[in-house]
Amino acid sequence: MQYFWLIQIFSPFFFWTSPPVQVVLVVVVVVVVVVVAVAAVAVAVVVVVVVVSSSCSSSSSSIVVVVVAAAVVIVIVVVVVVVVVVVVVVVVVVVVVVVVVVVVVVVVVVVVVVVVVVVL
């Protein structure tokens, strides 16, 4: 019981870095990013449909407008996909780094406690 203060200090840290909590955090971040990506693509499609429908009255430039609108949608989709991939990779890397840091901290704390107990 003499090391109870140590457990109290590290318990919030261990809670946020425990594997179940990390998995939940990763899932939440991925779901939010995917929802934002789908919303961005939906907005892009709606904008393109509005632009195309408003420009169809002048038939001479309607093909150009459709091509430009399609290019805009493709660019938006590519940017959203790249952002989603980068965010997911960053989250996974952060989780791995946090888990490694936790393991190192636990090992150091255990070694220090054992050394102190053995010496004293």
PDB file of N, CA and C in Angstrom:
ATOM      1  N   MET A   1       0.810  -1.215   0.000  1.00  0.00           N
ATOM      2  CA  MET A   1       0.000   0.000   0.000  1.00  0.00           C
ATOM      3  C   MET A   1       0.847   1.272   0.000  1.00  0.00           C
ATOM      4  N   GLN A   2       2.149   1.143   0.193  1.00  0.00           N
ATOM      5  CA  GLN A   2       2.981   2.342   0.227  1.00  0.00           C
ATOM      6  C   GLN A   2       3.152   2.974  -1.147  1.00  0.00           C
ATOM      7  N   TYR A   3       2.804   2.213  -2.221  1.00  0.00           N
ATOM      8  CA  TYR A   3       2.930   2.739  -3.582  1.00  0.00           C
ATOM      9  C   TYR A   3       1.566   3.113  -4.169  1.00  0.00           C
ATOM     10  N   PHE A   4       0.580   3.274  -3.291  1.00  0.00           N
ATOM     11  CA  PHE A   4      -0.762   3.603  -3.751  1.00  0.00           C
ATOM     12  C   PHE A   4      -0.799   4.956  -4.466  1.00  0.00           C
ATOM     13  N   TRP A   5      -0.011   5.920  -4.008  1.00  0.00           N
ATOM     14  CA  TRP A   5       0.048   7.244  -4.653  1.00  0.00           C
ATOM     15  C   TRP A   5       0.524   7.132  -6.082  1.00  0.00           C
ATOM     16  N   LEU A   6       1.422   6.170  -6.347  1.00  0.00           N
ATOM     17  CA  LEU A   6       1.924   5.964  -7.700  1.00  0.00           C
ATOM     18  C   LEU A   6       0.812   5.487  -8.631  1.00  0.00           C
ATOM     19  N   ILE A   7      -0.008   4.588  -8.125  1.00  0.00           N
ATOM     20  CA  ILE A   7      -1.140   4.080  -8.917  1.00  0.00           C
ATOM     21  C   ILE A   7      -2.130   5.214  -9.194  1.00  0.00           C
ATOM     22  N   GLN A   8      -2.368   6.048  -8.179  1.00  0.00           N
ATOM     23  CA  GLN A   8      -3.305   7.160  -8.362  1.00  0.00           C
ATOM     24  C   GLN A   8      -2.803   8.159  -9.401  1.00  0.00           C
ATOM     25  N   ILE A   9      -1.492   8.393  -9.424  1.00  0.00           N
ATOM     26  CA  ILE A   9      -0.936   9.346 -10.394  1.00  0.00           C
ATOM     27  C   ILE A   9      -1.091   8.824 -11.819  1.00  0.00           C
ATOM     28  N   PHE A  10      -0.826   7.532 -12.015  1.00  0.00           N
ATOM     29  CA  PHE A  10      -0.794   6.990 -13.372  1.00  0.00           C
ATOM     30  C   PHE A  10      -2.142   6.429 -13.845  1.00  0.00           C
ATOM     31  N   SER A  11      -3.133   6.334 -12.990  1.00  0.00           N
ATOM     32  CA  SER A  11      -4.383   5.682 -13.399  1.00  0.00           C
ATOM     33  C   SER A  11      -5.111   6.401 -14.540  1.00  0.00           C
ATOM     34  N   PRO A  12      -5.205   7.748 -14.569  1.00  0.00           N
ATOM     35  CA  PRO A  12      -5.849   8.377 -15.740  1.00  0.00           C
ATOM     36  C   PRO A  12      -5.043   8.142 -17.012  1.00  0.00           C
ATOM     37  N   PHE A  13      -3.726   8.173 -16.881  1.00  0.00           N
ATOM     38  CA  PHE A  13      -2.853   7.938 -18.031  1.00  0.00           C
ATOM     39  C   PHE A  13      -3.069   6.530 -18.572  1.00  0.00           C
ATOM     40  N   PHE A  14      -3.148   5.555 -17.665  1.00  0.00           N
ATOM     41  CA  PHE A  14      -3.354   4.177 -18.095  1.00  0.00           C
ATOM     42  C   PHE A  14      -4.755   3.976 -18.677  1.00  0.00           C
ATOM     43  N   PHE A  15      -5.734   4.734 -18.145  1.00  0.00           N
ATOM     44  CA  PHE A  15      -7.085   4.609 -18.701  1.00  0.00           C
ATOM     45  C   PHE A  15      -7.111   5.036 -20.159  1.00  0.00           C
ATOM     46  N   TRP A  16      -6.542   6.207 -20.476  1.00  0.00           N
ATOM     47  CA  TRP A  16      -6.583   6.722 -21.840  1.00  0.00           C
ATOM     48  C   TRP A  16      -5.686   5.949 -22.793  1.00  0.00           C
ATOM     49  N   THR A  17      -4.724   5.234 -22.246  1.00  0.00           N
ATOM     50  CA  THR A  17      -3.816   4.488 -23.109  1.00  0.00           C
ATOM     51  C   THR A  17      -4.076   2.985 -23.082  1.00  0.00           C
ATOM     52  N   SER A  18      -5.126   2.574 -22.392  1.00  0.00           N
ATOM     53  CA  SER A  18      -5.433   1.146 -22.384  1.00  0.00           C
ATOM     54  C   SER A  18      -5.962   0.734 -23.761  1.00  0.00           C
ATOM     55  N   PRO A  19      -5.672  -0.479 -24.188  1.00  0.00           N
ATOM     56  CA  PRO A  19      -6.061  -0.905 -25.547  1.00  0.00           C
ATOM     57  C   PRO A  19      -7.555  -0.754 -25.866  1.00  0.00           C
ATOM     58  N   PRO A  20      -8.488  -1.114 -24.967  1.00  0.00           N
ATOM     59  CA  PRO A  20      -9.914  -0.921 -25.326  1.00  0.00           C
ATOM     60  C   PRO A  20     -10.268   0.541 -25.585  1.00  0.00           C
ATOM     61  N   VAL A  21      -9.746   1.445 -24.748  1.00  0.00           N
ATOM     62  CA  VAL A  21     -10.028   2.871 -24.938  1.00  0.00           C
ATOM     63  C   VAL A  21      -9.389   3.373 -26.225  1.00  0.00           C
ATOM     64  N   GLN A  22      -8.172   2.911 -26.517  1.00  0.00           N
ATOM     65  CA  GLN A  22      -7.500   3.307 -27.755  1.00  0.00           C
ATOM     66  C   GLN A  22      -8.286   2.836 -28.970  1.00  0.00           C
ATOM     67  N   VAL A  23      -8.800   1.616 -28.920  1.00  0.00           N
ATOM     68  CA  VAL A  23      -9.593   1.092 -30.044  1.00  0.00           C
ATOM     69  C   VAL A  23     -10.850   1.927 -30.229  1.00  0.00           C
ATOM     70  N   VAL A  24     -11.516   2.268 -29.136  1.00  0.00           N
ATOM     71  CA  VAL A  24     -12.723   3.095 -29.229  1.00  0.00           C
ATOM     72  C   VAL A  24     -12.395   4.468 -29.806  1.00  0.00           C
ATOM     73  N   LEU A  25     -11.279   5.062 -29.354  1.00  0.00           N
ATOM     74  CA  LEU A  25     -10.887   6.375 -29.875  1.00  0.00           C
ATOM     75  C   LEU A  25     -10.578   6.306 -31.369  1.00  0.00           C
ATOM     76  N   VAL A  26      -9.878   5.267 -31.802  1.00  0.00           N
ATOM     77  CA  VAL A  26      -9.576   5.107 -33.226  1.00  0.00           C
ATOM     78  C   VAL A  26     -10.858   4.949 -34.029  1.00  0.00           C
ATOM     79  N   VAL A  27     -11.782   4.132 -33.538  1.00  0.00           N
ATOM     80  CA  VAL A  27     -13.048   3.924 -34.254  1.00  0.00           C
ATOM     81  C   VAL A  27     -13.831   5.229 -34.350  1.00  0.00           C
ATOM     82  N   VAL A  28     -13.871   5.990 -33.264  1.00  0.00           N
ATOM     83  CA  VAL A  28     -14.600   7.269 -33.272  1.00  0.00           C
ATOM     84  C   VAL A  28     -13.985   8.229 -34.279  1.00  0.00           C
ATOM     85  N   VAL A  29     -12.657   8.332 -34.279  1.00  0.00           N
ATOM     86  CA  VAL A  29     -11.989   9.242 -35.221  1.00  0.00           C
ATOM     87  C   VAL A  29     -12.237   8.806 -36.664  1.00  0.00           C
ATOM     88  N   VAL A  30     -12.137   7.507 -36.933  1.00  0.00           N
ATOM     89  CA  VAL A  30     -12.362   7.018 -38.298  1.00  0.00           C
ATOM     90  C   VAL A  30     -13.799   7.275 -38.733  1.00  0.00           C
ATOM     91  N   VAL A  31     -14.769   7.031 -37.852  1.00  0.00           N
ATOM     92  CA  VAL A  31     -16.177   7.266 -38.199  1.00  0.00           C
ATOM     93  C   VAL A  31     -16.420   8.747 -38.480  1.00  0.00           C
ATOM     94  N   VAL A  32     -15.870   9.628 -37.647  1.00  0.00           N
ATOM     95  CA  VAL A  32     -16.064  11.069 -37.863  1.00  0.00           C
ATOM     96  C   VAL A  32     -15.441  11.503 -39.185  1.00  0.00           C
ATOM     97  N   VAL A  33     -14.236  11.007 -39.470  1.00  0.00           N
ATOM     98  CA  VAL A  33     -13.575  11.385 -40.715  1.00  0.00           C
ATOM     99  C   VAL A  33     -14.359  10.867 -41.925  1.00  0.00           C
ATOM    100  N   VAL A  34     -14.858   9.652 -41.855  1.00  0.00           N
ATOM    101  CA  VAL A  34     -15.631   9.102 -42.973  1.00  0.00           C
ATOM    102  C   VAL A  34     -16.936   9.875 -43.163  1.00  0.00           C
ATOM    103  N   VAL A  35     -17.604  10.239 -42.085  1.00  0.00           N
ATOM    104  CA  VAL A  35     -18.842  11.023 -42.193  1.00  0.00           C
ATOM    105  C   VAL A  35     -18.565  12.384 -42.822  1.00  0.00           C
ATOM    106  N   VAL A  36     -17.484  13.032 -42.396  1.00  0.00           N
ATOM    107  CA  VAL A  36     -17.125  14.326 -42.983  1.00  0.00           C
ATOM    108  C   VAL A  36     -16.789  14.165 -44.464  1.00  0.00           C
ATOM    109  N   ALA A  37     -16.095  13.082 -44.808  1.00  0.00           N
ATOM    110  CA  ALA A  37     -15.739  12.840 -46.213  1.00  0.00           C
ATOM    111  C   ALA A  37     -16.987  12.628 -47.059  1.00  0.00           C
ATOM    112  N   VAL A  38     -17.918  11.834 -46.575  1.00  0.00           N
ATOM    113  CA  VAL A  38     -19.162  11.600 -47.319  1.00  0.00           C
ATOM    114  C   VAL A  38     -19.949  12.887 -47.462  1.00  0.00           C
ATOM    115  N   ALA A  39     -19.977  13.697 -46.413  1.00  0.00           N
ATOM    116  CA  ALA A  39     -20.686  14.983 -46.486  1.00  0.00           C
ATOM    117  C   ALA A  39     -20.036  15.912 -47.507  1.00  0.00           C
ATOM    118  N   ALA A  40     -18.700  15.931 -47.548  1.00  0.00           N
ATOM    119  CA  ALA A  40     -18.009  16.782 -48.522  1.00  0.00           C
ATOM    120  C   ALA A  40     -18.305  16.344 -49.947  1.00  0.00           C
ATOM    121  N   VAL A  41     -18.290  15.040 -50.179  1.00  0.00           N
ATOM    122  CA  VAL A  41     -18.608  14.532 -51.528  1.00  0.00           C
ATOM    123  C   VAL A  41     -20.057  14.847 -51.881  1.00  0.00           C
ATOM    124  N   ALA A  42     -20.972  14.711 -50.945  1.00  0.00           N
ATOM    125  CA  ALA A  42     -22.380  15.007 -51.204  1.00  0.00           C
ATOM    126  C   ALA A  42     -22.577  16.481 -51.549  1.00  0.00           C
ATOM    127  N   VAL A  43     -21.897  17.356 -50.805  1.00  0.00           N
ATOM    128  CA  VAL A  43     -21.995  18.790 -51.104  1.00  0.00           C
ATOM    129  C   VAL A  43     -21.433  19.082 -52.491  1.00  0.00           C
ATOM    130  N   ALA A  44     -20.314  18.448 -52.836  1.00  0.00           N
ATOM    131  CA  ALA A  44     -19.728  18.657 -54.161  1.00  0.00           C
ATOM    132  C   ALA A  44     -20.679  18.205 -55.258  1.00  0.00           C
ATOM    133  N   VAL A  45     -21.325  17.074 -55.076  1.00  0.00           N
ATOM    134  CA  VAL A  45     -22.265  16.569 -56.079  1.00  0.00           C
ATOM    135  C   VAL A  45     -23.460  17.504 -56.211  1.00  0.00           C
ATOM    136  N   VAL A  46     -23.969  17.990 -55.083  1.00  0.00           N
ATOM    137  CA  VAL A  46     -25.114  18.916 -55.130  1.00  0.00           C
ATOM    138  C   VAL A  46     -24.727  20.201 -55.850  1.00  0.00           C
ATOM    139  N   VAL A  47     -23.537  20.737 -55.571  1.00  0.00           N
ATOM    140  CA  VAL A  47     -23.083  21.952 -56.248  1.00  0.00           C
ATOM    141  C   VAL A  47     -22.967  21.719 -57.737  1.00  0.00           C
ATOM    142  N   VAL A  48     -22.423  20.580 -58.117  1.00  0.00           N
ATOM    143  CA  VAL A  48     -22.284  20.270 -59.543  1.00  0.00           C
ATOM    144  C   VAL A  48     -23.646  20.146 -60.202  1.00  0.00           C
ATOM    145  N   VAL A  49     -24.576  19.481 -59.555  1.00  0.00           N
ATOM    146  CA  VAL A  49     -25.918  19.328 -60.131  1.00  0.00           C
ATOM    147  C   VAL A  49     -26.587  20.681 -60.300  1.00  0.00           C
ATOM    148  N   VAL A  50     -26.434  21.553 -59.311  1.00  0.00           N
ATOM    149  CA  VAL A  50     -27.043  22.887 -59.406  1.00  0.00           C
ATOM    150  C   VAL A  50     -26.411  23.683 -60.543  1.00  0.00           C
ATOM    151  N   VAL A  51     -25.085  23.634 -60.638  1.00  0.00           N
ATOM    152  CA  VAL A  51     -24.398  24.373 -61.699  1.00  0.00           C
ATOM    153  C   VAL A  51     -24.779  23.834 -63.066  1.00  0.00           C
ATOM    154  N   VAL A  52     -24.811  22.515 -63.201  1.00  0.00           N
ATOM    155  CA  VAL A  52     -25.145  21.911 -64.492  1.00  0.00           C
ATOM    156  C   VAL A  52     -26.592  22.222 -64.870  1.00  0.00           C
ATOM    157  N   SER A  53     -27.499  22.113 -63.912  1.00  0.00           N
ATOM    158  CA  SER A  53     -28.901  22.365 -64.227  1.00  0.00           C
ATOM    159  C   SER A  53     -29.159  23.831 -64.557  1.00  0.00           C
ATOM    160  N   SER A  54     -28.417  24.738 -63.921  1.00  0.00           N
ATOM    161  CA  SER A  54     -28.621  26.157 -64.215  1.00  0.00           C
ATOM    162  C   SER A  54     -27.982  26.560 -65.539  1.00  0.00           C
ATOM    163  N   SER A  55     -26.971  25.814 -65.970  1.00  0.00           N
ATOM    164  CA  SER A  55     -26.298  26.190 -67.209  1.00  0.00           C
ATOM    165  C   SER A  55     -26.824  25.428 -68.422  1.00  0.00           C
ATOM    166  N   CYS A  56     -27.742  24.538 -68.208  1.00  0.00           N
ATOM    167  CA  CYS A  56     -28.265  23.764 -69.339  1.00  0.00           C
ATOM    168  C   CYS A  56     -29.156  24.600 -70.247  1.00  0.00           C
ATOM    169  N   SER A  57     -29.519  25.786 -69.819  1.00  0.00           N
ATOM    170  CA  SER A  57     -30.346  26.634 -70.679  1.00  0.00           C
ATOM    171  C   SER A  57     -29.552  27.098 -71.903  1.00  0.00           C
ATOM    172  N   SER A  58     -28.252  27.308 -71.700  1.00  0.00           N
ATOM    173  CA  SER A  58     -27.419  27.664 -72.851  1.00  0.00           C
ATOM    174  C   SER A  58     -26.711  26.395 -73.313  1.00  0.00           C
ATOM    175  N   SER A  59     -27.165  25.810 -74.360  1.00  0.00           N
ATOM    176  CA  SER A  59     -26.710  24.487 -74.774  1.00  0.00           C
ATOM    177  C   SER A  59     -25.291  24.507 -75.338  1.00  0.00           C
ATOM    178  N   SER A  60     -24.807  25.668 -75.755  1.00  0.00           N
ATOM    179  CA  SER A  60     -23.474  25.715 -76.375  1.00  0.00           C
ATOM    180  C   SER A  60     -22.380  25.448 -75.346  1.00  0.00           C
ATOM    181  N   SER A  61     -22.551  25.921 -74.117  1.00  0.00           N
ATOM    182  CA  SER A  61     -21.493  25.754 -73.114  1.00  0.00           C
ATOM    183  C   SER A  61     -21.808  24.656 -72.104  1.00  0.00           C
ATOM    184  N   SER A  62     -22.872  23.899 -72.329  1.00  0.00           N
ATOM    185  CA  SER A  62     -23.264  22.907 -71.319  1.00  0.00           C
ATOM    186  C   SER A  62     -22.252  21.769 -71.216  1.00  0.00           C
ATOM    187  N   ILE A  63     -21.631  21.380 -72.334  1.00  0.00           N
ATOM    188  CA  ILE A  63     -20.641  20.296 -72.293  1.00  0.00           C
ATOM    189  C   ILE A  63     -19.421  20.739 -71.493  1.00  0.00           C
ATOM    190  N   VAL A  64     -18.978  21.979 -71.709  1.00  0.00           N
ATOM    191  CA  VAL A  64     -17.830  22.493 -70.962  1.00  0.00           C
ATOM    192  C   VAL A  64     -18.135  22.543 -69.473  1.00  0.00           C
ATOM    193  N   VAL A  65     -19.336  22.991 -69.130  1.00  0.00           N
ATOM    194  CA  VAL A  65     -19.728  23.085 -67.721  1.00  0.00           C
ATOM    195  C   VAL A  65     -19.766  21.694 -67.094  1.00  0.00           C
ATOM    196  N   VAL A  66     -20.289  20.704 -67.819  1.00  0.00           N
ATOM    197  CA  VAL A  66     -20.347  19.334 -67.296  1.00  0.00           C
ATOM    198  C   VAL A  66     -18.940  18.788 -67.083  1.00  0.00           C
ATOM    199  N   VAL A  67     -18.038  19.025 -68.015  1.00  0.00           N
ATOM    200  CA  VAL A  67     -16.659  18.542 -67.880  1.00  0.00           C
ATOM    201  C   VAL A  67     -15.966  19.211 -66.690  1.00  0.00           C
ATOM    202  N   VAL A  68     -16.135  20.520 -66.562  1.00  0.00           N
ATOM    203  CA  VAL A  68     -15.519  21.240 -65.437  1.00  0.00           C
ATOM    204  C   VAL A  68     -16.116  20.774 -64.115  1.00  0.00           C
ATOM    205  N   ALA A  69     -17.419  20.595 -64.087  1.00  0.00           N
ATOM    206  CA  ALA A  69     -18.073  20.136 -62.861  1.00  0.00           C
ATOM    207  C   ALA A  69     -17.602  18.737 -62.487  1.00  0.00           C
ATOM    208  N   ALA A  70     -17.469  17.868 -63.477  1.00  0.00           N
ATOM    209  CA  ALA A  70     -16.975  16.514 -63.200  1.00  0.00           C
ATOM    210  C   ALA A  70     -15.538  16.562 -62.680  1.00  0.00           C
ATOM    211  N   ALA A  71     -14.726  17.434 -63.253  1.00  0.00           N
ATOM    212  CA  ALA A  71     -13.346  17.573 -62.781  1.00  0.00           C
ATOM    213  C   ALA A  71     -13.299  18.077 -61.343  1.00  0.00           C
ATOM    214  N   VAL A  72     -14.177  19.012 -61.013  1.00  0.00           N
ATOM    215  CA  VAL A  72     -14.236  19.530 -59.643  1.00  0.00           C
ATOM    216  C   VAL A  72     -14.620  18.417 -58.668  1.00  0.00           C
ATOM    217  N   VAL A  73     -15.607  17.624 -59.039  1.00  0.00           N
ATOM    218  CA  VAL A  73     -16.032  16.520 -58.163  1.00  0.00           C
ATOM    219  C   VAL A  73     -14.892  15.525 -57.982  1.00  0.00           C
ATOM    220  N   ILE A  74     -14.190  15.195 -59.074  1.00  0.00           N
ATOM    221  CA  ILE A  74     -13.075  14.240 -58.976  1.00  0.00           C
ATOM    222  C   ILE A  74     -11.983  14.792 -58.064  1.00  0.00           C
ATOM    223  N   VAL A  75     -11.659  16.073 -58.203  1.00  0.00           N
ATOM    224  CA  VAL A  75     -10.628  16.676 -57.346  1.00  0.00           C
ATOM    225  C   VAL A  75     -11.057  16.650 -55.883  1.00  0.00           C
ATOM    226  N   ILE A  76     -12.308  17.000 -55.616  1.00  0.00           N
ATOM    227  CA  ILE A  76     -12.802  16.994 -54.233  1.00  0.00           C
ATOM    228  C   ILE A  76     -12.759  15.584 -53.656  1.00  0.00           C
ATOM    229  N   VAL A  77     -13.176  14.590 -54.435  1.00  0.00           N
ATOM    230  CA  VAL A  77     -13.160  13.202 -53.947  1.00  0.00           C
ATOM    231  C   VAL A  77     -11.728  12.752 -53.660  1.00  0.00           C
ATOM    232  N   VAL A  78     -10.795  13.076 -54.552  1.00  0.00           N
ATOM    233  CA  VAL A  78      -9.392  12.685 -54.341  1.00  0.00           C
ATOM    234  C   VAL A  78      -8.830  13.353 -53.087  1.00  0.00           C
ATOM    235  N   VAL A  79      -9.092  14.642 -52.920  1.00  0.00           N
ATOM    236  CA  VAL A  79      -8.604  15.352 -51.735  1.00  0.00           C
ATOM    237  C   VAL A  79      -9.193  14.754 -50.466  1.00  0.00           C
ATOM    238  N   VAL A  80     -10.484  14.454 -50.470  1.00  0.00           N
ATOM    239  CA  VAL A  80     -11.139  13.871 -49.293  1.00  0.00           C
ATOM    240  C   VAL A  80     -10.550  12.500 -48.979  1.00  0.00           C
ATOM    241  N   VAL A  81     -10.339  11.678 -50.006  1.00  0.00           N
ATOM    242  CA  VAL A  81      -9.765  10.345 -49.776  1.00  0.00           C
ATOM    243  C   VAL A  81      -8.350  10.460 -49.204  1.00  0.00           C
ATOM    244  N   VAL A  82      -7.556  11.369 -49.738  1.00  0.00           N
ATOM    245  CA  VAL A  82      -6.191  11.557 -49.226  1.00  0.00           C
ATOM    246  C   VAL A  82      -6.225  12.019 -47.769  1.00  0.00           C
ATOM    247  N   VAL A  83      -7.102  12.952 -47.452  1.00  0.00           N
ATOM    248  CA  VAL A  83      -7.213  13.436 -46.072  1.00  0.00           C
ATOM    249  C   VAL A  83      -7.646  12.306 -45.141  1.00  0.00           C
ATOM    250  N   VAL A  84      -8.616  11.497 -45.568  1.00  0.00           N
ATOM    251  CA  VAL A  84      -9.077  10.372 -44.743  1.00  0.00           C
ATOM    252  C   VAL A  84      -7.927   9.405 -44.484  1.00  0.00           C
ATOM    253  N   VAL A  85      -7.187   9.052 -45.515  1.00  0.00           N
ATOM    254  CA  VAL A  85      -6.064   8.117 -45.360  1.00  0.00           C
ATOM    255  C   VAL A  85      -5.008   8.702 -44.425  1.00  0.00           C
ATOM    256  N   VAL A  86      -4.674   9.973 -44.607  1.00  0.00           N
ATOM    257  CA  VAL A  86      -3.657  10.605 -43.750  1.00  0.00           C
ATOM    258  C   VAL A  86      -4.115  10.630 -42.295  1.00  0.00           C
ATOM    259  N   VAL A  87      -5.371  10.989 -42.055  1.00  0.00           N
ATOM    260  CA  VAL A  87      -5.866  11.047 -40.677  1.00  0.00           C
ATOM    261  C   VAL A  87      -5.846   9.664 -40.039  1.00  0.00           C
ATOM    262  N   VAL A  88      -6.279   8.650 -40.774  1.00  0.00           N
ATOM    263  CA  VAL A  88      -6.285   7.292 -40.220  1.00  0.00           C
ATOM    264  C   VAL A  88      -4.860   6.833 -39.915  1.00  0.00           C
ATOM    265  N   VAL A  89      -3.928   7.088 -40.825  1.00  0.00           N
ATOM    266  CA  VAL A  89      -2.530   6.696 -40.591  1.00  0.00           C
ATOM    267  C   VAL A  89      -1.959   7.437 -39.386  1.00  0.00           C
ATOM    268  N   VAL A  90      -2.234   8.730 -39.277  1.00  0.00           N
ATOM    269  CA  VAL A  90      -1.736   9.508 -38.138  1.00  0.00           C
ATOM    270  C   VAL A  90      -2.310   8.976 -36.827  1.00  0.00           C
ATOM    271  N   VAL A  91      -3.607   8.669 -36.817  1.00  0.00           N
ATOM    272  CA  VAL A  91      -4.228   8.144 -35.596  1.00  0.00           C
ATOM    273  C   VAL A  91      -3.602   6.808 -35.209  1.00  0.00           C
ATOM    274  N   VAL A  92      -3.400   5.928 -36.184  1.00  0.00           N
ATOM    275  CA  VAL A  92      -2.794   4.629 -35.886  1.00  0.00           C
ATOM    276  C   VAL A  92      -1.369   4.806 -35.367  1.00  0.00           C
ATOM    277  N   VAL A  93      -0.595   5.691 -35.995  1.00  0.00           N
ATOM    278  CA  VAL A  93       0.783   5.938 -35.549  1.00  0.00           C
ATOM    279  C   VAL A  93       0.789   6.509 -34.134  1.00  0.00           C
ATOM    280  N   VAL A  94      -0.111   7.442 -33.856  1.00  0.00           N
ATOM    281  CA  VAL A  94      -0.184   8.026 -32.511  1.00  0.00           C
ATOM    282  C   VAL A  94      -0.533   6.948 -31.481  1.00  0.00           C
ATOM    283  N   VAL A  95      -1.470   6.072 -31.830  1.00  0.00           N
ATOM    284  CA  VAL A  95      -1.849   4.993 -30.904  1.00  0.00           C
ATOM    285  C   VAL A  95      -0.649   4.086 -30.638  1.00  0.00           C
ATOM    286  N   VAL A  96       0.078   3.723 -31.689  1.00  0.00           N
ATOM    287  CA  VAL A  96       1.252   2.863 -31.520  1.00  0.00           C
ATOM    288  C   VAL A  96       2.306   3.557 -30.658  1.00  0.00           C
ATOM    289  N   VAL A  97       2.554   4.840 -30.922  1.00  0.00           N
ATOM    290  CA  VAL A  97       3.544   5.592 -30.137  1.00  0.00           C
ATOM    291  C   VAL A  97       3.116   5.677 -28.678  1.00  0.00           C
ATOM    292  N   VAL A  98       1.841   5.939 -28.447  1.00  0.00           N
ATOM    293  CA  VAL A  98       1.348   6.044 -27.067  1.00  0.00           C
ATOM    294  C   VAL A  98       1.498   4.709 -26.348  1.00  0.00           C
ATOM    295  N   VAL A  99       1.175   3.619 -27.024  1.00  0.00           N
ATOM    296  CA  VAL A  99       1.304   2.301 -26.396  1.00  0.00           C
ATOM    297  C   VAL A  99       2.775   2.015 -26.076  1.00  0.00           C
ATOM    298  N   VAL A 100       3.676   2.345 -26.989  1.00  0.00           N
ATOM    299  CA  VAL A 100       5.113   2.135 -26.737  1.00  0.00           C
ATOM    300  C   VAL A 100       5.572   2.990 -25.555  1.00  0.00           C
ATOM    301  N   VAL A 101       5.136   4.242 -25.510  1.00  0.00           N
ATOM    302  CA  VAL A 101       5.506   5.121 -24.392  1.00  0.00           C
ATOM    303  C   VAL A 101       4.976   4.562 -23.075  1.00  0.00           C
ATOM    304  N   VAL A 102       3.754   4.064 -23.086  1.00  0.00           N
ATOM    305  CA  VAL A 102       3.177   3.490 -21.861  1.00  0.00           C
ATOM    306  C   VAL A 102       3.992   2.285 -21.401  1.00  0.00           C
ATOM    307  N   VAL A 103       4.347   1.424 -22.340  1.00  0.00           N
ATOM    308  CA  VAL A 103       5.137   0.246 -21.979  1.00  0.00           C
ATOM    309  C   VAL A 103       6.482   0.675 -21.388  1.00  0.00           C
ATOM    310  N   VAL A 104       7.136   1.645 -22.015  1.00  0.00           N
ATOM    311  CA  VAL A 104       8.426   2.128 -21.511  1.00  0.00           C
ATOM    312  C   VAL A 104       8.269   2.735 -20.118  1.00  0.00           C
ATOM    313  N   VAL A 105       7.234   3.556 -19.933  1.00  0.00           N
ATOM    314  CA  VAL A 105       7.005   4.183 -18.618  1.00  0.00           C
ATOM    315  C   VAL A 105       6.738   3.117 -17.558  1.00  0.00           C
ATOM    316  N   VAL A 106       5.929   2.127 -17.901  1.00  0.00           N
ATOM    317  CA  VAL A 106       5.624   1.064 -16.933  1.00  0.00           C
ATOM    318  C   VAL A 106       6.897   0.302 -16.572  1.00  0.00           C
ATOM    319  N   VAL A 107       7.693  -0.030 -17.582  1.00  0.00           N
ATOM    320  CA  VAL A 107       8.938  -0.758 -17.310  1.00  0.00           C
ATOM    321  C   VAL A 107       9.869   0.075 -16.430  1.00  0.00           C
ATOM    322  N   VAL A 108      10.009   1.350 -16.739  1.00  0.00           N
ATOM    323  CA  VAL A 108      10.886   2.220 -15.940  1.00  0.00           C
ATOM    324  C   VAL A 108      10.371   2.331 -14.507  1.00  0.00           C
ATOM    325  N   VAL A 109       9.074   2.519 -14.351  1.00  0.00           N
ATOM    326  CA  VAL A 109       8.506   2.645 -13.000  1.00  0.00           C
ATOM    327  C   VAL A 109       8.703   1.353 -12.223  1.00  0.00           C
ATOM    328  N   VAL A 110       8.465   0.224 -12.857  1.00  0.00           N
ATOM    329  CA  VAL A 110       8.637  -1.062 -12.174  1.00  0.00           C
ATOM    330  C   VAL A 110      10.099  -1.265 -11.781  1.00  0.00           C
ATOM    331  N   VAL A 111      11.010  -0.948 -12.690  1.00  0.00           N
ATOM    332  CA  VAL A 111      12.441  -1.100 -12.390  1.00  0.00           C
ATOM    333  C   VAL A 111      12.841  -0.186 -11.230  1.00  0.00           C
ATOM    334  N   VAL A 112      12.377   1.058 -11.249  1.00  0.00           N
ATOM    335  CA  VAL A 112      12.708   1.997 -10.168  1.00  0.00           C
ATOM    336  C   VAL A 112      12.139   1.503  -8.845  1.00  0.00           C
ATOM    337  N   VAL A 113      10.902   1.054  -8.846  1.00  0.00           N
ATOM    338  CA  VAL A 113      10.278   0.567  -7.614  1.00  0.00           C
ATOM    339  C   VAL A 113      11.023  -0.660  -7.095  1.00  0.00           C
ATOM    340  N   VAL A 114      11.367  -1.573  -7.996  1.00  0.00           N
ATOM    341  CA  VAL A 114      12.093  -2.775  -7.574  1.00  0.00           C
ATOM    342  C   VAL A 114      13.459  -2.404  -7.018  1.00  0.00           C
ATOM    343  N   VAL A 115      14.165  -1.499  -7.674  1.00  0.00           N
ATOM    344  CA  VAL A 115      15.479  -1.072  -7.198  1.00  0.00           C
ATOM    345  C   VAL A 115      15.353  -0.401  -5.826  1.00  0.00           C
ATOM    346  N   VAL A 116      14.370   0.455  -5.661  1.00  0.00           N
ATOM    347  CA  VAL A 116      14.173   1.137  -4.375  1.00  0.00           C
ATOM    348  C   VAL A 116      13.846   0.125  -3.286  1.00  0.00           C
ATOM    349  N   VAL A 117      12.997  -0.846  -3.591  1.00  0.00           N
ATOM    350  CA  VAL A 117      12.621  -1.850  -2.592  1.00  0.00           C
ATOM    351  C   VAL A 117      13.823  -2.718  -2.227  1.00  0.00           C
ATOM    352  N   VAL A 118      14.599  -3.099  -3.239  1.00  0.00           N
ATOM    353  CA  VAL A 118      15.761  -3.949  -2.985  1.00  0.00           C
ATOM    354  C   VAL A 118      16.821  -3.175  -2.196  1.00  0.00           C
ATOM    355  N   VAL A 119      17.052  -1.936  -2.563  1.00  0.00           N
ATOM    356  CA  VAL A 119      18.075  -1.133  -1.884  1.00  0.00           C
ATOM    357  C   VAL A 119      17.649  -0.810  -0.456  1.00  0.00           C
ATOM    358  N   LEU A 120      16.391  -0.478  -0.275  1.00  0.00           N
ATOM    359  CA  LEU A 120      15.913  -0.131   1.069  1.00  0.00           C
ATOM    360  C   LEU A 120      15.597  -1.399   1.828  1.00  0.00           C
TER     361      LEU A 120
END
